[in-house]
Amino acid sequence: PPPPKWSFHKRTLPSHLTPLSSPRGKELFFQSLASNTANSYFPLSEQFLTQSEPAYCGLATLVMVLNSLSIDPNVRWKGGWRWFDENMLLMGCCIDKKTVEERGIVMEQFESMGRCNGAKIEMKRPSPKVFSENKFRDDVTAIVRNSSQETLLISSYARSALGQTGCGHFSPIAAYHEQSDQVLILDVARFKYAPYWVSLKELYVAMTCIDDATGMSRGWFLVSPSNNKRGVDEHDDKMRPGEVVNWGEERCPIGKIKVSFCKARDL
C-alpha cells in the first residue's frame, strides 16, 4: 500500500473524556473500587494488550476477553503453551486474514469467532423498547459488580460519536462510576488512546450509529465461558502430554464441517 499522508504518535483524547491516569481518572477509579463496581478491571488488566494491526480491534478485544476468562484454546500457541492471540484466531477461522487486515470484523463475526473458541456470547443492539439505555446500564452494573468475574462486557461503538478519530471500534468495559454515570474503557488501540472514562449515555448513543458494513447499529456483548465457569484454578496447571495437543493451525478436528456451516465467512 502507498505510504500514509501523515504519521502520528498517539492522539489527543477529546476533553470530555477522562484519561484513567489523570488525577480525576484515578479518583473515579478509586471510588468505583470502593463501590464494588470495578471487578471486571482485574481480569482484563491482567490480559490488556495492544491490537497488532490497525483494523484488529475486534480480534484483540476477543483475545483479551478469552484469556481474561481463562478459556482454554485446547491447541498449542508456542512451545507447550496453550494461549490465544490474534493470529491463532485467524488460523482456526474461515474468515480471510487479508480481509480482516483491511476492514476488521463486524459484530456477527465477533460473535461467531467467540463461540467457535469456547465462549458463550450474547449480542445486543440498542433499541428503545428491547435494549434501551437503562438495559445497557443494568448489564454494565451487574457485570462490574460480579465478584466471580465470570462474564465480561464488550462495546462496539462509533469513535466519531465520541469525538475521536476513526470509525467503528471494539473494546471492553472495565468499571462503572455510579455517581457520574461513566464507564471505563480499556481501549485496545493503545497506540492511539490510553484507557479513559466516558459517559454511559454518550457511549450508548455511539453504539446506535449504523455500521456501513452491515446496515445495522453497533452494540454490546456479554461474554462468558461456555460452561459458565471461569477456567482459572491456581492449583491446576492443566498439563497434558504435548503430543496429544495440536498446534494452532491444526486446531479443530471437525474444522471442515464447521467451516461449511459457518455464517461468519459470508459477512
Protein backbone atom coordinates (compact mmCIF):
# COMPACT_ATOMS: atom_id res chain seq x y z
CA PRO A 1 0.00 0.00 0.00
CA PRO A 2 1.15 3.61 -0.51
CA PRO A 3 2.65 5.42 2.49
CA PRO A 4 0.17 7.39 4.63
CA LYS A 5 -0.10 11.13 4.15
CA TRP A 6 0.56 11.74 7.85
CA SER A 7 2.24 9.89 10.70
CA PHE A 8 1.14 10.10 14.34
CA HIS A 9 2.38 9.19 17.79
CA LYS A 10 -0.87 8.73 19.70
CA ARG A 11 -3.91 11.02 19.52
CA THR A 12 -5.19 13.69 21.88
CA LEU A 13 -8.17 12.46 23.86
CA PRO A 14 -11.23 14.73 23.48
CA SER A 15 -11.65 16.98 26.51
CA HIS A 16 -14.99 15.46 27.59
CA LEU A 17 -13.32 12.06 28.05
CA THR A 18 -11.24 11.50 31.18
CA PRO A 19 -7.92 9.62 30.98
CA LEU A 20 -7.64 6.90 33.62
CA SER A 21 -4.13 8.09 34.50
CA SER A 22 -5.26 11.69 35.21
CA PRO A 23 -5.97 12.85 38.79
CA ARG A 24 -9.72 12.85 38.07
CA GLY A 25 -9.49 9.48 36.31
CA LYS A 26 -7.75 7.94 39.31
CA GLU A 27 -10.34 9.45 41.63
CA LEU A 28 -13.16 7.90 39.61
CA PHE A 29 -11.38 4.55 39.67
CA PHE A 30 -10.76 4.54 43.42
CA GLN A 31 -14.38 5.49 44.07
CA SER A 32 -15.53 2.68 41.77
CA LEU A 33 -13.34 0.24 43.68
CA ALA A 34 -14.87 1.40 46.95
CA SER A 35 -18.36 1.00 45.46
CA ASN A 36 -17.61 -2.53 44.19
CA THR A 37 -18.16 -1.52 40.55
CA ALA A 38 -14.69 -2.26 39.18
CA ASN A 39 -14.42 -6.06 39.46
CA SER A 40 -14.02 -6.52 35.70
CA TYR A 41 -10.90 -4.38 35.75
CA PHE A 42 -8.73 -7.03 37.38
CA PRO A 43 -9.03 -9.98 34.96
CA LEU A 44 -9.00 -7.57 31.99
CA SER A 45 -5.94 -5.65 33.18
CA GLU A 46 -4.03 -8.92 33.57
CA GLN A 47 -4.52 -9.57 29.84
CA PHE A 48 -4.62 -5.99 28.49
CA LEU A 49 -2.94 -5.86 25.07
CA THR A 50 -2.46 -3.57 22.10
CA GLN A 51 -4.01 -4.64 18.81
CA SER A 52 -1.25 -5.67 16.40
CA GLU A 53 -2.88 -4.23 13.26
CA PRO A 54 -4.90 -1.01 12.81
CA ALA A 55 -8.06 -2.99 11.97
CA TYR A 56 -7.61 -5.73 14.59
CA CYS A 57 -9.63 -4.10 17.40
CA GLY A 58 -12.26 -6.85 17.27
CA LEU A 59 -9.68 -9.65 17.26
CA ALA A 60 -7.59 -8.06 20.02
CA THR A 61 -10.65 -7.49 22.22
CA LEU A 62 -11.78 -11.09 21.74
CA VAL A 63 -8.29 -12.41 22.56
CA MET A 64 -8.12 -10.21 25.65
CA VAL A 65 -11.50 -11.43 26.88
CA LEU A 66 -10.93 -15.13 26.12
CA ASN A 67 -7.65 -15.06 28.05
CA SER A 68 -9.20 -12.96 30.86
CA LEU A 69 -11.87 -15.63 31.29
CA SER A 70 -9.17 -18.33 31.32
CA ILE A 71 -10.82 -20.20 28.45
CA ASP A 72 -8.54 -23.00 27.25
CA PRO A 73 -7.98 -22.91 23.45
CA ASN A 74 -7.08 -26.62 23.58
CA VAL A 75 -4.34 -26.11 21.00
CA ARG A 76 -0.71 -25.06 21.35
CA TRP A 77 0.23 -21.45 20.77
CA LYS A 78 4.04 -21.69 21.06
CA GLY A 79 6.16 -24.43 22.60
CA GLY A 80 3.97 -26.27 25.05
CA TRP A 81 1.76 -23.29 25.88
CA ARG A 82 -1.96 -23.10 25.17
CA TRP A 83 -2.91 -19.46 24.71
CA PHE A 84 -4.94 -17.15 22.49
CA ASP A 85 -3.51 -14.50 20.21
CA GLU A 86 -4.86 -12.72 17.14
CA ASN A 87 -3.14 -14.91 14.57
CA MET A 88 -4.33 -18.07 16.30
CA LEU A 89 -7.93 -16.88 15.96
CA LEU A 90 -7.43 -16.33 12.25
CA MET A 91 -5.63 -19.65 11.69
CA GLY A 92 -8.60 -21.54 13.05
CA CYS A 93 -11.22 -19.40 11.35
CA CYS A 94 -12.86 -19.31 7.94
CA ILE A 95 -12.58 -15.51 7.74
CA ASP A 96 -9.91 -14.31 5.31
CA LYS A 97 -6.93 -12.72 7.08
CA LYS A 98 -6.33 -10.12 4.39
CA THR A 99 -9.96 -9.01 4.55
CA VAL A 100 -9.72 -8.60 8.34
CA GLU A 101 -6.50 -6.58 7.97
CA GLU A 102 -8.28 -4.23 5.58
CA ARG A 103 -11.76 -3.97 7.11
CA GLY A 104 -11.72 -5.56 10.55
CA ILE A 105 -14.69 -7.68 11.66
CA VAL A 106 -18.38 -6.94 12.25
CA MET A 107 -20.43 -7.87 15.29
CA GLU A 108 -21.74 -11.14 13.83
CA GLN A 109 -18.20 -12.28 13.08
CA PHE A 110 -17.08 -11.36 16.59
CA GLU A 111 -19.94 -13.43 17.99
CA SER A 112 -19.22 -16.41 15.72
CA MET A 113 -15.47 -16.42 16.41
CA GLY A 114 -16.06 -16.22 20.15
CA ARG A 115 -18.42 -19.19 20.11
CA CYS A 116 -16.01 -21.22 17.98
CA ASN A 117 -13.35 -20.64 20.61
CA GLY A 118 -15.27 -21.73 23.69
CA ALA A 119 -17.20 -18.62 24.73
CA LYS A 120 -20.87 -18.10 25.39
CA ILE A 121 -21.82 -14.77 23.79
CA GLU A 122 -24.97 -12.71 24.00
CA MET A 123 -25.08 -9.94 21.39
CA LYS A 124 -27.31 -6.90 21.89
CA ARG A 125 -28.06 -3.95 19.65
CA PRO A 126 -29.54 -0.69 21.02
CA SER A 127 -33.31 -0.49 20.79
CA PRO A 128 -35.64 1.83 22.76
CA LYS A 129 -38.10 -0.99 23.51
CA VAL A 130 -35.81 -4.01 23.88
CA PHE A 131 -32.22 -2.99 24.69
CA SER A 132 -32.62 0.53 25.99
CA GLU A 133 -30.04 2.74 27.65
CA ASN A 134 -31.33 1.56 31.04
CA LYS A 135 -30.92 -2.09 29.97
CA PHE A 136 -27.35 -1.34 28.96
CA ARG A 137 -26.74 0.33 32.31
CA ASP A 138 -28.23 -2.71 34.08
CA ASP A 139 -25.88 -5.03 32.16
CA VAL A 140 -22.85 -2.87 32.94
CA THR A 141 -23.56 -2.62 36.65
CA ALA A 142 -24.40 -6.32 37.01
CA ILE A 143 -21.15 -7.38 35.35
CA VAL A 144 -18.73 -4.97 37.01
CA ARG A 145 -20.25 -5.82 40.42
CA ASN A 146 -19.91 -9.56 39.89
CA SER A 147 -17.10 -10.77 42.15
CA SER A 148 -16.85 -14.10 40.32
CA GLN A 149 -15.72 -12.22 37.16
CA GLU A 150 -17.28 -14.94 35.00
CA THR A 151 -18.85 -12.54 32.49
CA LEU A 152 -17.27 -9.56 30.73
CA LEU A 153 -18.83 -6.80 28.64
CA ILE A 154 -17.54 -5.57 25.28
CA SER A 155 -18.77 -2.46 23.50
CA SER A 156 -18.79 -1.94 19.74
CA TYR A 157 -19.20 1.76 19.04
CA ALA A 158 -18.54 4.56 16.55
CA ARG A 159 -15.46 6.54 17.55
CA SER A 160 -16.72 9.61 15.71
CA ALA A 161 -19.70 9.84 18.08
CA LEU A 162 -17.22 10.25 20.97
CA GLY A 163 -15.28 12.94 19.13
CA GLN A 164 -12.41 10.55 18.38
CA THR A 165 -10.72 9.88 15.07
CA GLY A 166 -11.56 6.67 13.23
CA CYS A 167 -14.77 4.77 12.67
CA GLY A 168 -16.04 1.57 14.31
CA HIS A 169 -14.23 0.13 17.30
CA PHE A 170 -14.37 -2.74 19.83
CA SER A 171 -13.09 -2.56 23.41
CA PRO A 172 -14.06 -3.97 26.83
CA ILE A 173 -15.62 -2.09 29.74
CA ALA A 174 -13.71 -2.50 33.00
CA ALA A 175 -15.54 -0.37 35.58
CA TYR A 176 -18.52 1.89 36.25
CA HIS A 177 -18.68 5.09 38.31
CA GLU A 178 -22.24 5.36 39.52
CA GLN A 179 -22.25 8.96 40.77
CA SER A 180 -21.12 10.39 37.42
CA ASP A 181 -22.66 7.60 35.32
CA GLN A 182 -19.41 6.89 33.48
CA VAL A 183 -17.76 3.68 32.29
CA LEU A 184 -14.06 2.87 31.98
CA ILE A 185 -13.00 1.66 28.53
CA LEU A 186 -9.74 -0.25 28.17
CA ASP A 187 -9.05 0.77 24.58
CA VAL A 188 -7.09 -1.95 22.76
CA ALA A 189 -5.72 0.66 20.32
CA ARG A 190 -3.26 1.80 22.96
CA PHE A 191 -1.03 3.35 20.29
CA LYS A 192 -3.89 5.83 19.82
CA TYR A 193 -5.81 6.29 23.08
CA ALA A 194 -5.00 5.19 26.62
CA PRO A 195 -7.85 3.92 28.88
CA TYR A 196 -10.50 6.56 29.54
CA TRP A 197 -13.79 7.28 31.26
CA VAL A 198 -16.82 8.15 29.13
CA SER A 199 -20.45 8.95 29.92
CA LEU A 200 -22.56 5.80 29.68
CA LYS A 201 -25.27 7.79 27.91
CA GLU A 202 -22.76 9.02 25.34
CA LEU A 203 -21.38 5.53 24.77
CA TYR A 204 -24.90 4.17 24.29
CA VAL A 205 -25.53 6.80 21.61
CA ALA A 206 -22.22 5.84 19.96
CA MET A 207 -23.47 2.24 19.78
CA THR A 208 -26.64 3.30 17.98
CA CYS A 209 -24.61 4.51 14.99
CA ILE A 210 -25.03 2.43 11.84
CA ASP A 211 -22.19 0.21 10.67
CA ASP A 212 -21.94 0.66 6.89
CA ALA A 213 -20.72 -2.93 6.53
CA THR A 214 -23.94 -4.41 7.93
CA GLY A 215 -26.52 -1.63 7.65
CA MET A 216 -27.29 -2.17 11.34
CA SER A 217 -26.32 -0.43 14.55
CA ARG A 218 -23.38 -1.40 16.67
CA GLY A 219 -23.94 -2.65 20.21
CA TRP A 220 -22.53 -4.71 23.07
CA PHE A 221 -21.72 -8.29 24.07
CA LEU A 222 -21.90 -10.29 27.28
CA VAL A 223 -19.13 -12.89 27.13
CA SER A 224 -18.62 -15.83 29.47
CA PRO A 225 -17.11 -19.34 29.27
CA SER A 226 -19.46 -21.78 27.54
CA ASN A 227 -19.55 -23.90 30.68
CA ASN A 228 -20.49 -20.79 32.74
CA LYS A 229 -17.39 -21.18 34.89
CA ARG A 230 -14.20 -19.16 34.62
CA GLY A 231 -11.39 -21.57 33.81
CA VAL A 232 -8.81 -20.34 36.30
CA ASP A 233 -7.62 -22.73 39.03
CA GLU A 234 -4.49 -21.70 40.92
CA HIS A 235 -3.87 -25.33 41.93
CA ASP A 236 -4.11 -26.87 38.45
CA ASP A 237 -1.68 -26.16 35.59
CA LYS A 238 -3.83 -28.24 33.22
CA MET A 239 -0.79 -30.15 31.99
CA ARG A 240 -1.23 -32.55 29.07
CA PRO A 241 1.26 -34.59 27.04
CA GLY A 242 2.43 -32.32 24.23
CA GLU A 243 1.87 -34.89 21.50
CA VAL A 244 -1.88 -35.02 22.17
CA VAL A 245 -2.36 -31.26 21.74
CA ASN A 246 -2.40 -29.86 18.20
CA TRP A 247 -0.70 -26.70 17.01
CA GLY A 248 -2.86 -23.67 16.31
CA GLU A 249 -3.06 -24.32 12.56
CA GLU A 250 -4.31 -27.86 13.27
CA ARG A 251 -6.68 -26.63 15.92
CA CYS A 252 -10.02 -28.20 15.07
CA PRO A 253 -10.67 -31.89 14.33
CA ILE A 254 -14.03 -31.00 12.78
CA GLY A 255 -12.72 -27.90 11.03
CA LYS A 256 -14.02 -28.76 7.56
CA ILE A 257 -17.51 -29.45 8.88
CA LYS A 258 -17.51 -26.28 10.98
CA VAL A 259 -16.35 -24.10 8.10
CA SER A 260 -19.09 -25.42 5.81
CA PHE A 261 -21.76 -24.26 8.28
CA CYS A 262 -20.03 -21.06 9.42
CA LYS A 263 -22.13 -17.94 8.86
CA ALA A 264 -19.29 -15.52 9.58
CA ARG A 265 -17.41 -16.17 6.35
CA ASP A 266 -20.34 -14.85 4.29
CA LEU A 267 -20.48 -11.48 6.09
